[in-house]
Amino acid sequence: QAFSAYNLFFRHERARLILLSRSGRSILDHPPANITADELRDFFETNPLQSAGEHGVESFTELNRIVKQNWKALDRRDKEPFFEVAHVLRTDYYCEIVRQRRMAERQSESVASRLSNDTHDP
């Protein structure tokens, strides 16, 4: 799936807030830290999506409010790693779609060719 920079930030923040909550620290007292694109890629590779309801705040609405507030508080430079990783993931996603379509077309052509050959054989 192709994620936007905000989607990636949301996922990162949600995991960060879960870790803060589990450690007993207040999520409101710990703003998001600067992160590089490489650190962000490593994070997504090693941290699968958490299950719903496990974010350390009362509701998803509250989680959304906190993440949105944190996103707005970041300057463009701090958001850049999220934009960079989103661009790479989006490019990979669309390249994979093209690859799968080409493979499906080749398989379809191969089946059509075999069917055509079968109908011409006595």
Foldseek 3Di string as FASTA:
>chain_A
DQDALLRLLLQVLQVVQLVCLVVVHDSVVDADDQDALVRSVVCPVVDDGDDPPRRNDDDVVVSVVVSVVSVVPDDPVSSVSSRVNSVVRVVVVVVVVVVVVVVVVVVVVVVVVVVVVVVPDD
